[in-house]
Amino acid sequence: HSKVQHLVYASSSSVYGANVVQPFSEHHSVDHPVSLYAASKKANELM
């Protein structure tokens, strides 16, 4: 509503959850979090 030019927000490495392929890449799927904290950060990215 206030026309902010850029929103930068903290996500977390915890979103990688059950992923086993490393190093973790932003291009990987992150659909299997293993804590509510991780799920909330994944939700932030979707929002």
PDB file of all heavy atoms in Angstrom:
ATOM      1  N   HIS A   1       0.810  -1.223   0.000  1.00  0.00           N
ATOM      2  CA  HIS A   1       0.000   0.000   0.000  1.00  0.00           C
ATOM      3  C   HIS A   1       0.842   1.272   0.000  1.00  0.00           C
ATOM      4  O   HIS A   1       0.372   2.325  -0.443  1.00  0.00           O
ATOM      5  CB  HIS A   1      -0.955  -0.001   1.195  1.00  0.00           C
ATOM      6  CG  HIS A   1      -2.071  -1.000   1.059  1.00  0.00           C
ATOM      7  ND1 HIS A   1      -3.064  -0.888   0.115  1.00  0.00           N
ATOM      8  CD2 HIS A   1      -2.326  -2.141   1.744  1.00  0.00           C
ATOM      9  CE1 HIS A   1      -3.906  -1.905   0.223  1.00  0.00           C
ATOM     10  NE2 HIS A   1      -3.479  -2.688   1.207  1.00  0.00           N
ATOM     11  N   SER A   2       2.070   1.196   0.476  1.00  0.00           N
ATOM     12  CA  SER A   2       2.915   2.398   0.510  1.00  0.00           C
ATOM     13  C   SER A   2       3.951   2.404  -0.612  1.00  0.00           C
ATOM     14  O   SER A   2       4.861   3.240  -0.617  1.00  0.00           O
ATOM     15  CB  SER A   2       3.603   2.531   1.868  1.00  0.00           C
ATOM     16  OG  SER A   2       4.422   1.413   2.140  1.00  0.00           O
ATOM     17  N   LYS A   3       3.814   1.479  -1.561  1.00  0.00           N
ATOM     18  CA  LYS A   3       4.660   1.462  -2.769  1.00  0.00           C
ATOM     19  C   LYS A   3       6.153   1.368  -2.438  1.00  0.00           C
ATOM     20  O   LYS A   3       6.990   2.090  -2.992  1.00  0.00           O
ATOM     21  CB  LYS A   3       4.407   2.708  -3.624  1.00  0.00           C
ATOM     22  CG  LYS A   3       2.956   2.973  -3.944  1.00  0.00           C
ATOM     23  CD  LYS A   3       2.342   1.857  -4.773  1.00  0.00           C
ATOM     24  CE  LYS A   3       0.891   2.184  -5.148  1.00  0.00           C
ATOM     25  NZ  LYS A   3       0.215   1.047  -5.816  1.00  0.00           N
ATOM     26  N   VAL A   4       6.502   0.473  -1.510  1.00  0.00           N
ATOM     27  CA  VAL A   4       7.908   0.255  -1.172  1.00  0.00           C
ATOM     28  C   VAL A   4       8.644  -0.266  -2.404  1.00  0.00           C
ATOM     29  O   VAL A   4       8.138  -1.101  -3.146  1.00  0.00           O
ATOM     30  CB  VAL A   4       8.020  -0.753   0.005  1.00  0.00           C
ATOM     31  CG1 VAL A   4       9.427  -1.306   0.153  1.00  0.00           C
ATOM     32  CG2 VAL A   4       7.577  -0.075   1.297  1.00  0.00           C
ATOM     33  N   GLN A   5       9.873   0.228  -2.623  1.00  0.00           N
ATOM     34  CA  GLN A   5      10.636  -0.116  -3.824  1.00  0.00           C
ATOM     35  C   GLN A   5      11.157  -1.553  -3.807  1.00  0.00           C
ATOM     36  O   GLN A   5      11.315  -2.173  -4.865  1.00  0.00           O
ATOM     37  CB  GLN A   5      11.822   0.843  -3.976  1.00  0.00           C
ATOM     38  CG  GLN A   5      11.435   2.290  -4.151  1.00  0.00           C
ATOM     39  CD  GLN A   5      12.630   3.213  -4.046  1.00  0.00           C
ATOM     40  OE1 GLN A   5      13.784   2.786  -4.192  1.00  0.00           O
ATOM     41  NE2 GLN A   5      12.393   4.479  -3.755  1.00  0.00           N
ATOM     42  N   HIS A   6      11.442  -2.073  -2.605  1.00  0.00           N
ATOM     43  CA  HIS A   6      12.033  -3.418  -2.508  1.00  0.00           C
ATOM     44  C   HIS A   6      11.875  -3.939  -1.090  1.00  0.00           C
ATOM     45  O   HIS A   6      12.246  -3.262  -0.135  1.00  0.00           O
ATOM     46  CB  HIS A   6      13.527  -3.348  -2.881  1.00  0.00           C
ATOM     47  CG  HIS A   6      14.202  -4.686  -2.998  1.00  0.00           C
ATOM     48  ND1 HIS A   6      15.583  -4.822  -3.094  1.00  0.00           N
ATOM     49  CD2 HIS A   6      13.715  -5.961  -3.039  1.00  0.00           C
ATOM     50  CE1 HIS A   6      15.902  -6.091  -3.198  1.00  0.00           C
ATOM     51  NE2 HIS A   6      14.789  -6.807  -3.165  1.00  0.00           N
ATOM     52  N   LEU A   7      11.320  -5.122  -0.964  1.00  0.00           N
ATOM     53  CA  LEU A   7      11.240  -5.813   0.320  1.00  0.00           C
ATOM     54  C   LEU A   7      12.254  -6.953   0.326  1.00  0.00           C
ATOM     55  O   LEU A   7      12.194  -7.851  -0.515  1.00  0.00           O
ATOM     56  CB  LEU A   7       9.838  -6.381   0.552  1.00  0.00           C
ATOM     57  CG  LEU A   7       9.706  -7.411   1.688  1.00  0.00           C
ATOM     58  CD1 LEU A   7      10.048  -6.784   3.045  1.00  0.00           C
ATOM     59  CD2 LEU A   7       8.307  -8.026   1.712  1.00  0.00           C
ATOM     60  N   VAL A   8      13.192  -6.900   1.265  1.00  0.00           N
ATOM     61  CA  VAL A   8      14.147  -7.980   1.495  1.00  0.00           C
ATOM     62  C   VAL A   8      13.770  -8.632   2.819  1.00  0.00           C
ATOM     63  O   VAL A   8      13.523  -7.927   3.805  1.00  0.00           O
ATOM     64  CB  VAL A   8      15.591  -7.443   1.554  1.00  0.00           C
ATOM     65  CG1 VAL A   8      16.576  -8.573   1.840  1.00  0.00           C
ATOM     66  CG2 VAL A   8      15.944  -6.729   0.250  1.00  0.00           C
ATOM     67  N   TYR A   9      13.705  -9.952   2.858  1.00  0.00           N
ATOM     68  CA  TYR A   9      13.253 -10.613   4.080  1.00  0.00           C
ATOM     69  C   TYR A   9      14.118 -11.832   4.373  1.00  0.00           C
ATOM     70  O   TYR A   9      14.705 -12.435   3.471  1.00  0.00           O
ATOM     71  CB  TYR A   9      11.779 -11.024   3.972  1.00  0.00           C
ATOM     72  CG  TYR A   9      11.486 -11.987   2.855  1.00  0.00           C
ATOM     73  CD1 TYR A   9      11.450 -13.359   3.081  1.00  0.00           C
ATOM     74  CD2 TYR A   9      11.262 -11.524   1.553  1.00  0.00           C
ATOM     75  CE1 TYR A   9      11.205 -14.246   2.041  1.00  0.00           C
ATOM     76  CE2 TYR A   9      11.011 -12.405   0.513  1.00  0.00           C
ATOM     77  CZ  TYR A   9      10.983 -13.767   0.758  1.00  0.00           C
ATOM     78  OH  TYR A   9      10.750 -14.637  -0.270  1.00  0.00           O
ATOM     79  N   ALA A  10      14.168 -12.181   5.645  1.00  0.00           N
ATOM     80  CA  ALA A  10      14.963 -13.320   6.091  1.00  0.00           C
ATOM     81  C   ALA A  10      14.188 -14.610   5.917  1.00  0.00           C
ATOM     82  O   ALA A  10      13.138 -14.800   6.516  1.00  0.00           O
ATOM     83  CB  ALA A  10      15.364 -13.139   7.548  1.00  0.00           C
ATOM     84  N   SER A  11      14.740 -15.491   5.081  1.00  0.00           N
ATOM     85  CA  SER A  11      14.291 -16.874   5.063  1.00  0.00           C
ATOM     86  C   SER A  11      15.344 -17.652   5.853  1.00  0.00           C
ATOM     87  O   SER A  11      16.016 -17.093   6.716  1.00  0.00           O
ATOM     88  CB  SER A  11      14.123 -17.377   3.638  1.00  0.00           C
ATOM     89  OG  SER A  11      13.588 -18.690   3.639  1.00  0.00           O
ATOM     90  N   SER A  12      15.518 -18.923   5.578  1.00  0.00           N
ATOM     91  CA  SER A  12      16.433 -19.723   6.382  1.00  0.00           C
ATOM     92  C   SER A  12      16.876 -20.966   5.628  1.00  0.00           C
ATOM     93  O   SER A  12      16.120 -21.514   4.805  1.00  0.00           O
ATOM     94  CB  SER A  12      15.744 -20.144   7.683  1.00  0.00           C
ATOM     95  OG  SER A  12      16.468 -21.150   8.362  1.00  0.00           O
ATOM     96  N   SER A  13      18.085 -21.418   5.935  1.00  0.00           N
ATOM     97  CA  SER A  13      18.559 -22.683   5.362  1.00  0.00           C
ATOM     98  C   SER A  13      17.693 -23.852   5.815  1.00  0.00           C
ATOM     99  O   SER A  13      17.704 -24.917   5.192  1.00  0.00           O
ATOM    100  CB  SER A  13      20.012 -22.938   5.761  1.00  0.00           C
ATOM    101  OG  SER A  13      20.134 -23.050   7.176  1.00  0.00           O
ATOM    102  N   SER A  14      16.930 -23.658   6.884  1.00  0.00           N
ATOM    103  CA  SER A  14      16.084 -24.745   7.383  1.00  0.00           C
ATOM    104  C   SER A  14      15.008 -25.150   6.383  1.00  0.00           C
ATOM    105  O   SER A  14      14.445 -26.247   6.489  1.00  0.00           O
ATOM    106  CB  SER A  14      15.437 -24.352   8.709  1.00  0.00           C
ATOM    107  OG  SER A  14      14.507 -23.304   8.527  1.00  0.00           O
ATOM    108  N   VAL A  15      14.713 -24.300   5.381  1.00  0.00           N
ATOM    109  CA  VAL A  15      13.681 -24.667   4.413  1.00  0.00           C
ATOM    110  C   VAL A  15      14.086 -25.896   3.596  1.00  0.00           C
ATOM    111  O   VAL A  15      13.233 -26.579   3.029  1.00  0.00           O
ATOM    112  CB  VAL A  15      13.345 -23.505   3.445  1.00  0.00           C
ATOM    113  CG1 VAL A  15      12.840 -22.289   4.212  1.00  0.00           C
ATOM    114  CG2 VAL A  15      14.518 -23.143   2.553  1.00  0.00           C
ATOM    115  N   TYR A  16      15.389 -26.191   3.544  1.00  0.00           N
ATOM    116  CA  TYR A  16      15.837 -27.350   2.771  1.00  0.00           C
ATOM    117  C   TYR A  16      15.431 -28.662   3.426  1.00  0.00           C
ATOM    118  O   TYR A  16      15.387 -29.705   2.766  1.00  0.00           O
ATOM    119  CB  TYR A  16      17.347 -27.287   2.539  1.00  0.00           C
ATOM    120  CG  TYR A  16      17.723 -26.191   1.568  1.00  0.00           C
ATOM    121  CD1 TYR A  16      18.273 -24.991   2.008  1.00  0.00           C
ATOM    122  CD2 TYR A  16      17.493 -26.341   0.207  1.00  0.00           C
ATOM    123  CE1 TYR A  16      18.592 -23.970   1.116  1.00  0.00           C
ATOM    124  CE2 TYR A  16      17.812 -25.341  -0.696  1.00  0.00           C
ATOM    125  CZ  TYR A  16      18.364 -24.148  -0.235  1.00  0.00           C
ATOM    126  OH  TYR A  16      18.656 -23.150  -1.125  1.00  0.00           O
ATOM    127  N   GLY A  17      15.145 -28.623   4.731  1.00  0.00           N
ATOM    128  CA  GLY A  17      14.530 -29.750   5.423  1.00  0.00           C
ATOM    129  C   GLY A  17      15.135 -31.098   5.130  1.00  0.00           C
ATOM    130  O   GLY A  17      16.305 -31.363   5.408  1.00  0.00           O
ATOM    131  N   ALA A  18      14.334 -31.975   4.528  1.00  0.00           N
ATOM    132  CA  ALA A  18      14.743 -33.352   4.288  1.00  0.00           C
ATOM    133  C   ALA A  18      15.602 -33.517   3.034  1.00  0.00           C
ATOM    134  O   ALA A  18      15.953 -34.651   2.673  1.00  0.00           O
ATOM    135  CB  ALA A  18      13.504 -34.251   4.193  1.00  0.00           C
ATOM    136  N   ASN A  19      15.943 -32.424   2.366  1.00  0.00           N
ATOM    137  CA  ASN A  19      16.810 -32.534   1.179  1.00  0.00           C
ATOM    138  C   ASN A  19      18.144 -33.181   1.542  1.00  0.00           C
ATOM    139  O   ASN A  19      18.724 -32.896   2.587  1.00  0.00           O
ATOM    140  CB  ASN A  19      17.089 -31.145   0.578  1.00  0.00           C
ATOM    141  CG  ASN A  19      15.883 -30.548  -0.112  1.00  0.00           C
ATOM    142  OD1 ASN A  19      14.748 -30.900   0.200  1.00  0.00           O
ATOM    143  ND2 ASN A  19      16.117 -29.648  -1.046  1.00  0.00           N
ATOM    144  N   VAL A  20      18.656 -34.018   0.662  1.00  0.00           N
ATOM    145  CA  VAL A  20      19.941 -34.671   0.919  1.00  0.00           C
ATOM    146  C   VAL A  20      21.003 -34.294  -0.112  1.00  0.00           C
ATOM    147  O   VAL A  20      22.195 -34.510   0.119  1.00  0.00           O
ATOM    148  CB  VAL A  20      19.793 -36.217   0.968  1.00  0.00           C
ATOM    149  CG1 VAL A  20      18.938 -36.625   2.163  1.00  0.00           C
ATOM    150  CG2 VAL A  20      19.205 -36.764  -0.328  1.00  0.00           C
ATOM    151  N   VAL A  21      20.595 -33.739  -1.242  1.00  0.00           N
ATOM    152  CA  VAL A  21      21.557 -33.317  -2.265  1.00  0.00           C
ATOM    153  C   VAL A  21      22.216 -32.016  -1.813  1.00  0.00           C
ATOM    154  O   VAL A  21      21.537 -31.021  -1.547  1.00  0.00           O
ATOM    155  CB  VAL A  21      20.879 -33.121  -3.633  1.00  0.00           C
ATOM    156  CG1 VAL A  21      21.892 -32.608  -4.657  1.00  0.00           C
ATOM    157  CG2 VAL A  21      20.258 -34.428  -4.109  1.00  0.00           C
ATOM    158  N   GLN A  22      23.545 -32.031  -1.698  1.00  0.00           N
ATOM    159  CA  GLN A  22      24.271 -30.841  -1.259  1.00  0.00           C
ATOM    160  C   GLN A  22      25.415 -30.551  -2.209  1.00  0.00           C
ATOM    161  O   GLN A  22      25.912 -31.453  -2.882  1.00  0.00           O
ATOM    162  CB  GLN A  22      24.787 -31.049   0.171  1.00  0.00           C
ATOM    163  CG  GLN A  22      23.668 -31.141   1.182  1.00  0.00           C
ATOM    164  CD  GLN A  22      24.144 -30.976   2.618  1.00  0.00           C
ATOM    165  OE1 GLN A  22      25.194 -30.394   2.884  1.00  0.00           O
ATOM    166  NE2 GLN A  22      23.358 -31.483   3.553  1.00  0.00           N
ATOM    167  N   PRO A  23      25.853 -29.262  -2.326  1.00  0.00           N
ATOM    168  CA  PRO A  23      25.366 -28.124  -1.562  1.00  0.00           C
ATOM    169  C   PRO A  23      23.927 -27.751  -1.932  1.00  0.00           C
ATOM    170  O   PRO A  23      23.498 -27.970  -3.063  1.00  0.00           O
ATOM    171  CB  PRO A  23      26.342 -27.001  -1.936  1.00  0.00           C
ATOM    172  CG  PRO A  23      26.865 -27.381  -3.268  1.00  0.00           C
ATOM    173  CD  PRO A  23      26.941 -28.875  -3.261  1.00  0.00           C
ATOM    174  N   PHE A  24      23.213 -27.187  -0.952  1.00  0.00           N
ATOM    175  CA  PHE A  24      21.844 -26.758  -1.174  1.00  0.00           C
ATOM    176  C   PHE A  24      21.816 -25.603  -2.174  1.00  0.00           C
ATOM    177  O   PHE A  24      22.531 -24.619  -2.019  1.00  0.00           O
ATOM    178  CB  PHE A  24      21.205 -26.288   0.129  1.00  0.00           C
ATOM    179  CG  PHE A  24      20.980 -27.378   1.142  1.00  0.00           C
ATOM    180  CD1 PHE A  24      21.107 -27.104   2.497  1.00  0.00           C
ATOM    181  CD2 PHE A  24      20.616 -28.656   0.762  1.00  0.00           C
ATOM    182  CE1 PHE A  24      20.890 -28.090   3.447  1.00  0.00           C
ATOM    183  CE2 PHE A  24      20.402 -29.655   1.712  1.00  0.00           C
ATOM    184  CZ  PHE A  24      20.534 -29.362   3.058  1.00  0.00           C
ATOM    185  N   SER A  25      20.971 -25.729  -3.175  1.00  0.00           N
ATOM    186  CA  SER A  25      20.837 -24.700  -4.199  1.00  0.00           C
ATOM    187  C   SER A  25      19.427 -24.119  -4.182  1.00  0.00           C
ATOM    188  O   SER A  25      18.452 -24.845  -3.929  1.00  0.00           O
ATOM    189  CB  SER A  25      21.128 -25.287  -5.578  1.00  0.00           C
ATOM    190  OG  SER A  25      20.738 -24.405  -6.606  1.00  0.00           O
ATOM    191  N   GLU A  26      19.323 -22.836  -4.480  1.00  0.00           N
ATOM    192  CA  GLU A  26      18.016 -22.183  -4.584  1.00  0.00           C
ATOM    193  C   GLU A  26      17.159 -22.818  -5.682  1.00  0.00           C
ATOM    194  O   GLU A  26      15.939 -22.641  -5.687  1.00  0.00           O
ATOM    195  CB  GLU A  26      18.177 -20.691  -4.892  1.00  0.00           C
ATOM    196  CG  GLU A  26      19.031 -19.926  -3.894  1.00  0.00           C
ATOM    197  CD  GLU A  26      20.493 -19.850  -4.313  1.00  0.00           C
ATOM    198  OE1 GLU A  26      20.961 -20.755  -5.050  1.00  0.00           O
ATOM    199  OE2 GLU A  26      21.161 -18.897  -3.896  1.00  0.00           O
ATOM    200  N   HIS A  27      17.795 -23.527  -6.591  1.00  0.00           N
ATOM    201  CA  HIS A  27      17.064 -24.150  -7.694  1.00  0.00           C
ATOM    202  C   HIS A  27      16.454 -25.489  -7.302  1.00  0.00           C
ATOM    203  O   HIS A  27      15.692 -26.073  -8.060  1.00  0.00           O
ATOM    204  CB  HIS A  27      18.000 -24.315  -8.893  1.00  0.00           C
ATOM    205  CG  HIS A  27      18.705 -23.050  -9.277  1.00  0.00           C
ATOM    206  ND1 HIS A  27      18.030 -21.933  -9.732  1.00  0.00           N
ATOM    207  CD2 HIS A  27      20.009 -22.703  -9.245  1.00  0.00           C
ATOM    208  CE1 HIS A  27      18.895 -20.967  -9.981  1.00  0.00           C
ATOM    209  NE2 HIS A  27      20.102 -21.407  -9.678  1.00  0.00           N
ATOM    210  N   HIS A  28      16.789 -25.979  -6.089  1.00  0.00           N
ATOM    211  CA  HIS A  28      16.215 -27.231  -5.596  1.00  0.00           C
ATOM    212  C   HIS A  28      14.807 -27.009  -5.041  1.00  0.00           C
ATOM    213  O   HIS A  28      14.478 -25.923  -4.553  1.00  0.00           O
ATOM    214  CB  HIS A  28      17.076 -27.816  -4.471  1.00  0.00           C
ATOM    215  CG  HIS A  28      18.441 -28.248  -4.913  1.00  0.00           C
ATOM    216  ND1 HIS A  28      19.462 -28.510  -4.017  1.00  0.00           N
ATOM    217  CD2 HIS A  28      18.963 -28.464  -6.141  1.00  0.00           C
ATOM    218  CE1 HIS A  28      20.542 -28.865  -4.677  1.00  0.00           C
ATOM    219  NE2 HIS A  28      20.268 -28.844  -5.968  1.00  0.00           N
ATOM    220  N   SER A  29      14.001 -28.050  -5.063  1.00  0.00           N
ATOM    221  CA  SER A  29      12.700 -28.011  -4.410  1.00  0.00           C
ATOM    222  C   SER A  29      12.885 -27.979  -2.889  1.00  0.00           C
ATOM    223  O   SER A  29      13.802 -28.603  -2.356  1.00  0.00           O
ATOM    224  CB  SER A  29      11.890 -29.248  -4.799  1.00  0.00           C
ATOM    225  OG  SER A  29      10.730 -29.368  -3.995  1.00  0.00           O
ATOM    226  N   VAL A  30      12.002 -27.237  -2.204  1.00  0.00           N
ATOM    227  CA  VAL A  30      12.064 -27.189  -0.727  1.00  0.00           C
ATOM    228  C   VAL A  30      10.665 -27.453  -0.160  1.00  0.00           C
ATOM    229  O   VAL A  30      10.135 -26.677   0.629  1.00  0.00           O
ATOM    230  CB  VAL A  30      12.629 -25.846  -0.207  1.00  0.00           C
ATOM    231  CG1 VAL A  30      14.119 -25.760  -0.447  1.00  0.00           C
ATOM    232  CG2 VAL A  30      11.930 -24.658  -0.858  1.00  0.00           C
ATOM    233  N   ASP A  31      10.104 -28.578  -0.555  1.00  0.00           N
ATOM    234  CA  ASP A  31       8.726 -28.897  -0.189  1.00  0.00           C
ATOM    235  C   ASP A  31       8.597 -29.864   0.980  1.00  0.00           C
ATOM    236  O   ASP A  31       7.501 -30.351   1.249  1.00  0.00           O
ATOM    237  CB  ASP A  31       7.991 -29.483  -1.404  1.00  0.00           C
ATOM    238  CG  ASP A  31       7.735 -28.433  -2.472  1.00  0.00           C
ATOM    239  OD1 ASP A  31       7.681 -27.236  -2.124  1.00  0.00           O
ATOM    240  OD2 ASP A  31       7.602 -28.811  -3.654  1.00  0.00           O
ATOM    241  N   HIS A  32       9.724 -30.154   1.673  1.00  0.00           N
ATOM    242  CA  HIS A  32       9.648 -31.128   2.765  1.00  0.00           C
ATOM    243  C   HIS A  32      10.345 -30.603   4.021  1.00  0.00           C
ATOM    244  O   HIS A  32      11.359 -31.145   4.461  1.00  0.00           O
ATOM    245  CB  HIS A  32      10.250 -32.474   2.323  1.00  0.00           C
ATOM    246  CG  HIS A  32       9.510 -33.079   1.168  1.00  0.00           C
ATOM    247  ND1 HIS A  32       9.834 -32.818  -0.143  1.00  0.00           N
ATOM    248  CD2 HIS A  32       8.427 -33.913   1.133  1.00  0.00           C
ATOM    249  CE1 HIS A  32       8.991 -33.467  -0.935  1.00  0.00           C
ATOM    250  NE2 HIS A  32       8.135 -34.139  -0.190  1.00  0.00           N
ATOM    251  N   PRO A  33       9.806 -29.547   4.639  1.00  0.00           N
ATOM    252  CA  PRO A  33      10.388 -29.026   5.884  1.00  0.00           C
ATOM    253  C   PRO A  33      10.230 -30.042   7.015  1.00  0.00           C
ATOM    254  O   PRO A  33       9.325 -30.882   6.982  1.00  0.00           O
ATOM    255  CB  PRO A  33       9.576 -27.759   6.158  1.00  0.00           C
ATOM    256  CG  PRO A  33       8.270 -27.986   5.459  1.00  0.00           C
ATOM    257  CD  PRO A  33       8.594 -28.799   4.235  1.00  0.00           C
ATOM    258  N   VAL A  34      11.123 -29.946   8.014  1.00  0.00           N
ATOM    259  CA  VAL A  34      11.062 -30.900   9.129  1.00  0.00           C
ATOM    260  C   VAL A  34      10.848 -30.191  10.472  1.00  0.00           C
ATOM    261  O   VAL A  34      11.022 -30.792  11.527  1.00  0.00           O
ATOM    262  CB  VAL A  34      12.334 -31.782   9.182  1.00  0.00           C
ATOM    263  CG1 VAL A  34      12.409 -32.668   7.942  1.00  0.00           C
ATOM    264  CG2 VAL A  34      13.598 -30.953   9.312  1.00  0.00           C
ATOM    265  N   SER A  35      10.456 -28.919  10.442  1.00  0.00           N
ATOM    266  CA  SER A  35      10.073 -28.199  11.662  1.00  0.00           C
ATOM    267  C   SER A  35       9.074 -27.117  11.269  1.00  0.00           C
ATOM    268  O   SER A  35       9.027 -26.685  10.112  1.00  0.00           O
ATOM    269  CB  SER A  35      11.291 -27.549  12.336  1.00  0.00           C
ATOM    270  OG  SER A  35      11.790 -26.458  11.560  1.00  0.00           O
ATOM    271  N   LEU A  36       8.272 -26.680  12.237  1.00  0.00           N
ATOM    272  CA  LEU A  36       7.312 -25.615  11.963  1.00  0.00           C
ATOM    273  C   LEU A  36       8.032 -24.313  11.628  1.00  0.00           C
ATOM    274  O   LEU A  36       7.565 -23.532  10.795  1.00  0.00           O
ATOM    275  CB  LEU A  36       6.375 -25.408  13.149  1.00  0.00           C
ATOM    276  CG  LEU A  36       5.270 -24.374  12.910  1.00  0.00           C
ATOM    277  CD1 LEU A  36       4.341 -24.822  11.781  1.00  0.00           C
ATOM    278  CD2 LEU A  36       4.477 -24.120  14.181  1.00  0.00           C
ATOM    279  N   TYR A  37       9.186 -24.077  12.262  1.00  0.00           N
ATOM    280  CA  TYR A  37       9.976 -22.890  11.931  1.00  0.00           C
ATOM    281  C   TYR A  37      10.320 -22.897  10.445  1.00  0.00           C
ATOM    282  O   TYR A  37      10.128 -21.899   9.732  1.00  0.00           O
ATOM    283  CB  TYR A  37      11.252 -22.853  12.774  1.00  0.00           C
ATOM    284  CG  TYR A  37      12.231 -21.790  12.327  1.00  0.00           C
ATOM    285  CD1 TYR A  37      11.927 -20.446  12.476  1.00  0.00           C
ATOM    286  CD2 TYR A  37      13.448 -22.141  11.745  1.00  0.00           C
ATOM    287  CE1 TYR A  37      12.816 -19.459  12.052  1.00  0.00           C
ATOM    288  CE2 TYR A  37      14.341 -21.164  11.319  1.00  0.00           C
ATOM    289  CZ  TYR A  37      14.014 -19.833  11.474  1.00  0.00           C
ATOM    290  OH  TYR A  37      14.892 -18.864  11.039  1.00  0.00           O
ATOM    291  N   ALA A  38      10.822 -24.022   9.950  1.00  0.00           N
ATOM    292  CA  ALA A  38      11.172 -24.134   8.538  1.00  0.00           C
ATOM    293  C   ALA A  38       9.942 -23.936   7.653  1.00  0.00           C
ATOM    294  O   ALA A  38      10.002 -23.247   6.629  1.00  0.00           O
ATOM    295  CB  ALA A  38      11.811 -25.489   8.264  1.00  0.00           C
ATOM    296  N   ALA A  39       8.825 -24.523   8.048  1.00  0.00           N
ATOM    297  CA  ALA A  39       7.590 -24.379   7.270  1.00  0.00           C
ATOM    298  C   ALA A  39       7.148 -22.926   7.211  1.00  0.00           C
ATOM    299  O   ALA A  39       6.667 -22.458   6.167  1.00  0.00           O
ATOM    300  CB  ALA A  39       6.494 -25.251   7.876  1.00  0.00           C
ATOM    301  N   SER A  40       7.318 -22.194   8.309  1.00  0.00           N
ATOM    302  CA  SER A  40       6.916 -20.780   8.318  1.00  0.00           C
ATOM    303  C   SER A  40       7.794 -19.950   7.391  1.00  0.00           C
ATOM    304  O   SER A  40       7.321 -19.013   6.743  1.00  0.00           O
ATOM    305  CB  SER A  40       6.956 -20.224   9.747  1.00  0.00           C
ATOM    306  OG  SER A  40       8.286 -20.021  10.215  1.00  0.00           O
ATOM    307  N   LYS A  41       9.070 -20.301   7.288  1.00  0.00           N
ATOM    308  CA  LYS A  41       9.975 -19.575   6.390  1.00  0.00           C
ATOM    309  C   LYS A  41       9.681 -19.913   4.925  1.00  0.00           C
ATOM    310  O   LYS A  41       9.732 -19.042   4.050  1.00  0.00           O
ATOM    311  CB  LYS A  41      11.431 -19.887   6.742  1.00  0.00           C
ATOM    312  CG  LYS A  41      11.884 -19.263   8.054  1.00  0.00           C
ATOM    313  CD  LYS A  41      11.779 -17.754   7.992  1.00  0.00           C
ATOM    314  CE  LYS A  41      12.307 -17.052   9.213  1.00  0.00           C
ATOM    315  NZ  LYS A  41      12.236 -15.585   9.108  1.00  0.00           N
ATOM    316  N   LYS A  42       9.377 -21.168   4.642  1.00  0.00           N
ATOM    317  CA  LYS A  42       8.943 -21.553   3.302  1.00  0.00           C
ATOM    318  C   LYS A  42       7.657 -20.805   2.947  1.00  0.00           C
ATOM    319  O   LYS A  42       7.493 -20.313   1.812  1.00  0.00           O
ATOM    320  CB  LYS A  42       8.731 -23.062   3.245  1.00  0.00           C
ATOM    321  CG  LYS A  42       7.952 -23.576   2.054  1.00  0.00           C
ATOM    322  CD  LYS A  42       8.680 -23.416   0.752  1.00  0.00           C
ATOM    323  CE  LYS A  42       7.905 -24.137  -0.371  1.00  0.00           C
ATOM    324  NZ  LYS A  42       8.479 -23.891  -1.699  1.00  0.00           N
ATOM    325  N   ALA A  43       6.745 -20.705   3.908  1.00  0.00           N
ATOM    326  CA  ALA A  43       5.498 -19.969   3.679  1.00  0.00           C
ATOM    327  C   ALA A  43       5.778 -18.507   3.345  1.00  0.00           C
ATOM    328  O   ALA A  43       5.116 -17.922   2.475  1.00  0.00           O
ATOM    329  CB  ALA A  43       4.593 -20.074   4.905  1.00  0.00           C
ATOM    330  N   ASN A  44       6.749 -17.910   4.019  1.00  0.00           N
ATOM    331  CA  ASN A  44       7.110 -16.519   3.721  1.00  0.00           C
ATOM    332  C   ASN A  44       7.521 -16.352   2.271  1.00  0.00           C
ATOM    333  O   ASN A  44       7.154 -15.373   1.606  1.00  0.00           O
ATOM    334  CB  ASN A  44       8.247 -16.054   4.625  1.00  0.00           C
ATOM    335  CG  ASN A  44       7.844 -15.808   6.061  1.00  0.00           C
ATOM    336  OD1 ASN A  44       8.697 -15.602   6.919  1.00  0.00           O
ATOM    337  ND2 ASN A  44       6.557 -15.835   6.350  1.00  0.00           N
ATOM    338  N   GLU A  45       8.302 -17.302   1.757  1.00  0.00           N
ATOM    339  CA  GLU A  45       8.732 -17.226   0.358  1.00  0.00           C
ATOM    340  C   GLU A  45       7.532 -17.306  -0.585  1.00  0.00           C
ATOM    341  O   GLU A  45       7.458 -16.569  -1.583  1.00  0.00           O
ATOM    342  CB  GLU A  45       9.727 -18.346   0.056  1.00  0.00           C
ATOM    343  CG  GLU A  45      11.027 -18.236   0.839  1.00  0.00           C
ATOM    344  CD  GLU A  45      12.008 -19.358   0.573  1.00  0.00           C
ATOM    345  OE1 GLU A  45      11.707 -20.223  -0.286  1.00  0.00           O
ATOM    346  OE2 GLU A  45      13.076 -19.379   1.208  1.00  0.00           O
ATOM    347  N   LEU A  46       6.591 -18.175  -0.281  1.00  0.00           N
ATOM    348  CA  LEU A  46       5.394 -18.310  -1.112  1.00  0.00           C
ATOM    349  C   LEU A  46       4.528 -17.053  -1.035  1.00  0.00           C
ATOM    350  O   LEU A  46       3.995 -16.586  -2.054  1.00  0.00           O
ATOM    351  CB  LEU A  46       4.585 -19.530  -0.669  1.00  0.00           C
ATOM    352  CG  LEU A  46       5.257 -20.893  -0.817  1.00  0.00           C
ATOM    353  CD1 LEU A  46       4.397 -21.980  -0.180  1.00  0.00           C
ATOM    354  CD2 LEU A  46       5.517 -21.211  -2.277  1.00  0.00           C
ATOM    355  N   MET A  47       4.380 -16.504   0.158  1.00  0.00           N
ATOM    356  CA  MET A  47       3.591 -15.288   0.336  1.00  0.00           C
ATOM    357  C   MET A  47       4.214 -14.118  -0.424  1.00  0.00           C
ATOM    358  O   MET A  47       3.521 -13.330  -1.079  1.00  0.00           O
ATOM    359  CB  MET A  47       3.477 -14.966   1.828  1.00  0.00           C
ATOM    360  CG  MET A  47       2.690 -16.000   2.620  1.00  0.00           C
ATOM    361  SD  MET A  47       3.024 -15.951   4.409  1.00  0.00           S
ATOM    362  CE  MET A  47       2.148 -14.452   4.863  1.00  0.00           C
TER     363      MET A  47
END
